[in-house]
Amino acid sequence: MTTSIAQWLQASSLPKLEARMLLQFVGGFSRAHLVAHDDEVLPEMMVWQLNDMQQARLDGVPMAYLLGEREFYGRVFQVSPDVLIPRPETELLAETVWQHLPHGGRVWDIGTGSGIIAITTALERPDSVVHASDISAPALGIAKNNAGRLGANVSFHLGSWYDVEPLQDALVDVLVSNPPYIHKDDAHLSQGDLRFEPPQALTDFDDGLSAYKALAQNHAQHIKPQGYLMVEHGFEQACDIQKIFTDAGLIHVRTIQDYAGLDRITLGQKA
């Protein structure tokens, strides 16, 4: 039995947008082709692949992992289950970096994941010097690939938090991080896309604040005078992180709300 584009779309249990995305990915079709040639018969192997991917999606696997990519700040980034799926609110964190970065400034993105912050900074601010680190070698591999594909000049390093040998004595103008901040007992970890994302990038397996304490307590050795530490966090964590930053000696500590009006980014300045 043959199956056309229109027939597969009609029979699909997915939302039509997602079904079309799978057709475009598997078949290499343009959206215009799907409309203009919907009577085209699909090869049997392609139908099997489409059905397998459809079932994975129905089982909850995020579209970003099925397609292997996600857009961030107008650019397409490779992703896999080794890295978090880029989220729109993180674009605000990247923009905040550029706003506080002097010409020719130095940036260190700690826990870079797929590299979205570091790479986007290098492309939007080509005058800057950008370093990025992660404890995960597979994640760094994806970040390096993204930088190469997009033509971004970023230096990547393997290491945990500040324990990155090439940067032990480096001073930067902006130190930025989107660390694991979900409480270990948060029910969201077993719901939706989070079920498929790397746990170590989502939670600190504690109270959700340990990463911020580590970053703040040791910031003085790595940030230039009047430089900044800035982080993304959960919308209910702003007060806790402001106190952590203030107790660590950072000044002018403040929180920025995201586009939905939720507390999302906290930054402080080195005295």
Protein backbone atom coordinates (compact mmCIF):
# COMPACT_ATOMS: atom_id res chain seq x y z
CA MET A 1 0.00 0.00 0.00
CA THR A 2 1.39 3.40 -1.01
CA THR A 3 1.27 6.49 1.17
CA SER A 4 1.32 10.04 -0.13
CA ILE A 5 2.40 13.18 1.73
CA ALA A 6 -1.25 14.18 2.20
CA GLN A 7 -2.24 10.71 3.41
CA TRP A 8 0.57 10.55 5.97
CA LEU A 9 -0.30 14.02 7.26
CA GLN A 10 -3.97 13.11 7.48
CA ALA A 11 -3.26 9.90 9.39
CA SER A 12 -0.68 11.43 11.74
CA SER A 13 -1.61 11.71 15.41
CA LEU A 14 0.72 14.68 15.88
CA PRO A 15 -0.21 18.35 15.65
CA LYS A 16 0.00 19.27 11.98
CA LEU A 17 2.93 21.63 12.53
CA GLU A 18 5.01 18.87 14.13
CA ALA A 19 3.98 16.36 11.47
CA ARG A 20 5.11 18.77 8.75
CA MET A 21 8.39 19.36 10.59
CA LEU A 22 9.08 15.63 10.58
CA LEU A 23 8.28 15.41 6.87
CA GLN A 24 10.63 18.30 6.14
CA PHE A 25 13.38 16.74 8.23
CA VAL A 26 13.10 13.14 7.00
CA GLY A 27 12.27 13.90 3.38
CA GLY A 28 14.21 17.10 2.93
CA PHE A 29 11.03 18.75 1.65
CA SER A 30 10.40 22.47 1.75
CA ARG A 31 7.12 23.67 3.20
CA ALA A 32 6.10 24.83 -0.29
CA HIS A 33 6.79 21.34 -1.64
CA LEU A 34 4.52 19.76 0.97
CA VAL A 35 1.68 22.01 -0.18
CA ALA A 36 2.26 21.91 -3.92
CA HIS A 37 3.05 18.19 -4.18
CA ASP A 38 0.98 16.63 -1.42
CA ASP A 39 0.02 13.77 -3.76
CA GLU A 40 3.65 12.65 -4.00
CA VAL A 41 4.09 9.02 -2.93
CA LEU A 42 6.59 8.54 -0.09
CA PRO A 43 9.18 5.74 -0.25
CA GLU A 44 8.33 2.87 2.08
CA MET A 45 11.53 3.29 4.09
CA MET A 46 10.71 6.96 4.62
CA VAL A 47 7.25 6.08 5.91
CA TRP A 48 8.79 3.65 8.40
CA GLN A 49 11.21 6.32 9.59
CA LEU A 50 8.43 8.89 9.88
CA ASN A 51 6.29 6.47 11.87
CA ASP A 52 9.18 5.65 14.22
CA MET A 53 9.87 9.34 14.85
CA GLN A 54 6.17 10.03 15.29
CA GLN A 55 5.94 7.33 17.96
CA ALA A 56 8.98 8.74 19.75
CA ARG A 57 7.32 12.15 19.77
CA LEU A 58 4.06 10.66 21.07
CA ASP A 59 6.14 9.05 23.82
CA GLY A 60 7.32 12.54 24.80
CA VAL A 61 10.74 12.87 23.16
CA PRO A 62 11.26 16.61 22.50
CA MET A 63 11.12 17.74 18.89
CA ALA A 64 14.52 19.39 19.33
CA TYR A 65 16.12 16.02 20.07
CA LEU A 66 14.27 14.28 17.24
CA LEU A 67 15.41 16.90 14.75
CA GLY A 68 18.81 17.39 16.39
CA GLU A 69 18.55 21.17 16.32
CA ARG A 70 16.89 24.22 17.86
CA GLU A 71 16.94 27.89 16.92
CA PHE A 72 18.47 30.46 19.27
CA TYR A 73 18.73 34.15 18.48
CA GLY A 74 17.96 33.50 14.83
CA ARG A 75 20.61 30.79 14.41
CA VAL A 76 20.24 27.02 14.29
CA PHE A 77 22.19 25.12 16.96
CA GLN A 78 22.85 21.40 17.05
CA VAL A 79 21.46 19.73 20.19
CA SER A 80 21.32 16.22 21.59
CA PRO A 81 20.30 14.61 24.90
CA ASP A 82 23.81 15.56 26.12
CA VAL A 83 22.78 19.23 26.34
CA LEU A 84 19.81 21.30 27.44
CA ILE A 85 17.35 22.44 24.80
CA PRO A 86 17.89 26.19 24.19
CA ARG A 87 15.04 28.28 25.56
CA PRO A 88 13.88 31.75 24.49
CA GLU A 89 14.37 33.30 27.94
CA THR A 90 18.10 32.60 27.74
CA GLU A 91 18.31 35.07 24.84
CA LEU A 92 17.79 37.79 27.47
CA LEU A 93 20.81 36.51 29.41
CA ALA A 94 22.94 36.72 26.27
CA GLU A 95 21.74 40.26 25.59
CA THR A 96 22.54 41.24 29.18
CA VAL A 97 26.12 40.02 28.65
CA TRP A 98 26.58 42.31 25.64
CA GLN A 99 25.06 45.29 27.43
CA HIS A 100 27.64 45.06 30.20
CA LEU A 101 30.64 44.13 28.08
CA PRO A 102 33.18 46.84 27.23
CA HIS A 103 34.72 47.00 23.78
CA GLY A 104 37.31 44.25 23.51
CA GLY A 105 35.99 42.73 26.73
CA ARG A 106 36.52 39.18 27.94
CA VAL A 107 33.68 36.74 28.69
CA TRP A 108 33.67 33.34 30.39
CA ASP A 109 30.54 31.20 29.96
CA ILE A 110 30.58 28.52 32.66
CA GLY A 111 28.51 25.40 31.93
CA THR A 112 28.15 26.31 28.28
CA GLY A 113 26.18 23.24 27.16
CA SER A 114 25.47 23.59 23.43
CA GLY A 115 27.37 26.88 23.50
CA ILE A 116 24.45 29.18 22.77
CA ILE A 117 25.54 32.05 25.04
CA ALA A 118 29.24 31.96 24.20
CA ILE A 119 28.75 31.49 20.47
CA THR A 120 26.04 34.11 20.15
CA THR A 121 28.19 36.56 22.11
CA ALA A 122 31.16 35.92 19.82
CA LEU A 123 29.01 36.51 16.75
CA GLU A 124 27.09 39.55 18.02
CA ARG A 125 30.17 41.09 19.66
CA PRO A 126 33.11 40.07 17.42
CA ASP A 127 35.33 42.53 19.31
CA SER A 128 35.08 40.35 22.42
CA VAL A 129 37.28 37.49 23.65
CA VAL A 130 35.06 34.55 24.59
CA HIS A 131 35.86 31.50 26.69
CA ALA A 132 33.41 28.68 27.46
CA SER A 133 33.72 25.68 29.75
CA ASP A 134 31.72 22.61 30.72
CA ILE A 135 32.24 19.52 32.84
CA SER A 136 30.73 17.36 30.09
CA ALA A 137 33.01 16.32 27.23
CA PRO A 138 30.06 15.34 24.99
CA ALA A 139 28.47 18.74 25.58
CA LEU A 140 31.73 20.49 24.69
CA GLY A 141 31.87 18.45 21.49
CA ILE A 142 28.47 19.75 20.47
CA ALA A 143 29.42 23.32 21.41
CA LYS A 144 32.63 23.13 19.36
CA ASN A 145 30.70 21.80 16.39
CA ASN A 146 28.18 24.63 16.68
CA ALA A 147 30.97 27.20 16.84
CA GLY A 148 32.62 25.72 13.77
CA ARG A 149 29.42 25.62 11.73
CA LEU A 150 28.47 29.17 12.68
CA GLY A 151 31.97 30.64 12.38
CA ALA A 152 32.28 31.77 16.00
CA ASN A 153 35.67 32.40 17.61
CA VAL A 154 35.31 30.77 21.04
CA SER A 155 37.92 29.01 23.19
CA PHE A 156 36.46 25.89 24.81
CA HIS A 157 37.72 24.23 28.00
CA LEU A 158 36.83 21.09 29.94
CA GLY A 159 36.36 21.56 33.67
CA SER A 160 34.02 22.00 36.61
CA TRP A 161 33.07 25.55 37.63
CA TYR A 162 36.30 27.52 38.19
CA ASP A 163 38.49 24.41 38.06
CA VAL A 164 39.61 25.03 34.48
CA GLU A 165 43.40 25.00 34.28
CA PRO A 166 43.91 27.38 31.31
CA LEU A 167 41.73 29.98 33.05
CA GLN A 168 43.04 29.67 36.62
CA ASP A 169 44.61 33.13 36.51
CA ALA A 170 42.33 34.72 33.92
CA LEU A 171 40.31 37.82 34.72
CA VAL A 172 37.17 38.52 32.70
CA ASP A 173 34.77 41.44 32.36
CA VAL A 174 31.68 39.23 32.44
CA LEU A 175 31.34 35.82 33.97
CA VAL A 176 28.02 34.28 32.90
CA SER A 177 26.29 31.01 33.71
CA ASN A 178 22.97 29.26 33.31
CA PRO A 179 23.65 26.56 35.90
CA PRO A 180 21.49 23.67 37.16
CA TYR A 181 18.95 25.32 39.45
CA ILE A 182 15.95 22.99 39.86
CA HIS A 183 15.39 21.60 43.36
CA LYS A 184 16.05 17.87 43.55
CA ASP A 185 12.44 17.19 44.64
CA ASP A 186 10.77 19.39 42.01
CA ALA A 187 8.02 17.41 40.29
CA HIS A 188 8.80 19.10 36.97
CA LEU A 189 11.91 16.93 36.62
CA SER A 190 9.63 13.98 35.82
CA GLN A 191 7.36 15.91 33.46
CA GLY A 192 7.44 17.06 29.82
CA ASP A 193 10.73 17.71 28.04
CA LEU A 194 12.70 17.70 31.29
CA ARG A 195 12.36 13.90 31.46
CA PHE A 196 14.69 13.64 28.46
CA GLU A 197 17.21 16.40 29.21
CA PRO A 198 20.50 15.69 31.05
CA PRO A 199 19.70 15.70 34.82
CA GLN A 200 23.10 17.16 35.77
CA ALA A 201 22.31 20.24 33.67
CA LEU A 202 18.90 20.70 35.31
CA THR A 203 19.41 20.07 39.02
CA ASP A 204 22.23 20.28 41.53
CA PHE A 205 20.63 17.27 43.29
CA ASP A 206 20.22 19.59 46.28
CA ASP A 207 18.28 22.78 46.97
CA GLY A 208 18.88 24.36 43.56
CA LEU A 209 21.22 27.02 44.97
CA SER A 210 24.59 25.28 45.34
CA ALA A 211 25.84 26.37 41.90
CA TYR A 212 25.15 30.02 42.69
CA LYS A 213 27.01 29.75 45.99
CA ALA A 214 30.04 28.23 44.25
CA LEU A 215 30.03 30.92 41.57
CA ALA A 216 29.59 33.82 43.99
CA GLN A 217 31.99 32.70 46.71
CA ASN A 218 34.94 32.42 44.32
CA HIS A 219 34.13 35.20 41.88
CA ALA A 220 36.80 37.63 43.07
CA GLN A 221 39.68 35.55 41.63
CA HIS A 222 38.22 35.58 38.12
CA ILE A 223 36.38 38.87 37.53
CA LYS A 224 38.04 42.22 36.86
CA PRO A 225 37.30 45.14 39.20
CA GLN A 226 33.85 46.48 38.28
CA GLY A 227 33.25 43.36 36.17
CA TYR A 228 30.04 41.36 36.44
CA LEU A 229 28.75 37.97 37.50
CA MET A 230 25.36 37.24 35.90
CA VAL A 231 23.21 34.12 36.05
CA GLU A 232 19.89 32.75 34.89
CA HIS A 233 17.65 31.17 37.53
CA GLY A 234 14.15 30.03 38.39
CA PHE A 235 11.53 32.74 38.80
CA GLU A 236 11.16 32.05 42.55
CA GLN A 237 14.90 32.14 43.35
CA ALA A 238 15.72 35.82 42.89
CA CYS A 239 15.70 36.79 46.58
CA ASP A 240 17.89 33.84 47.57
CA ILE A 241 20.42 34.56 44.83
CA GLN A 242 20.51 38.28 45.59
CA LYS A 243 21.43 37.40 49.18
CA ILE A 244 24.09 34.90 48.04
CA PHE A 245 25.63 37.55 45.78
CA THR A 246 25.51 40.28 48.42
CA ASP A 247 26.97 38.03 51.12
CA ALA A 248 29.83 37.20 48.73
CA GLY A 249 30.72 40.89 48.41
CA LEU A 250 29.15 41.70 45.05
CA ILE A 251 27.63 45.17 44.77
CA HIS A 252 24.82 46.73 42.76
CA VAL A 253 23.02 43.39 42.82
CA ARG A 254 19.76 43.41 40.89
CA THR A 255 17.33 41.10 39.11
CA ILE A 256 16.00 41.45 35.57
CA GLN A 257 12.62 40.11 34.53
CA ASP A 258 12.13 38.09 31.36
CA TYR A 259 9.67 38.88 28.57
CA ALA A 260 6.90 37.18 30.56
CA GLY A 261 7.51 39.48 33.55
CA LEU A 262 9.15 36.76 35.66
CA ASP A 263 12.36 37.18 37.67
CA ARG A 264 14.94 35.45 35.49
CA ILE A 265 18.42 37.00 35.63
CA THR A 266 20.41 38.26 38.60
CA LEU A 267 23.70 40.11 38.28
CA GLY A 268 26.17 41.75 40.57
CA GLN A 269 29.32 43.81 40.16
CA LYS A 270 32.71 43.14 41.67
CA ALA A 271 33.60 45.83 44.16
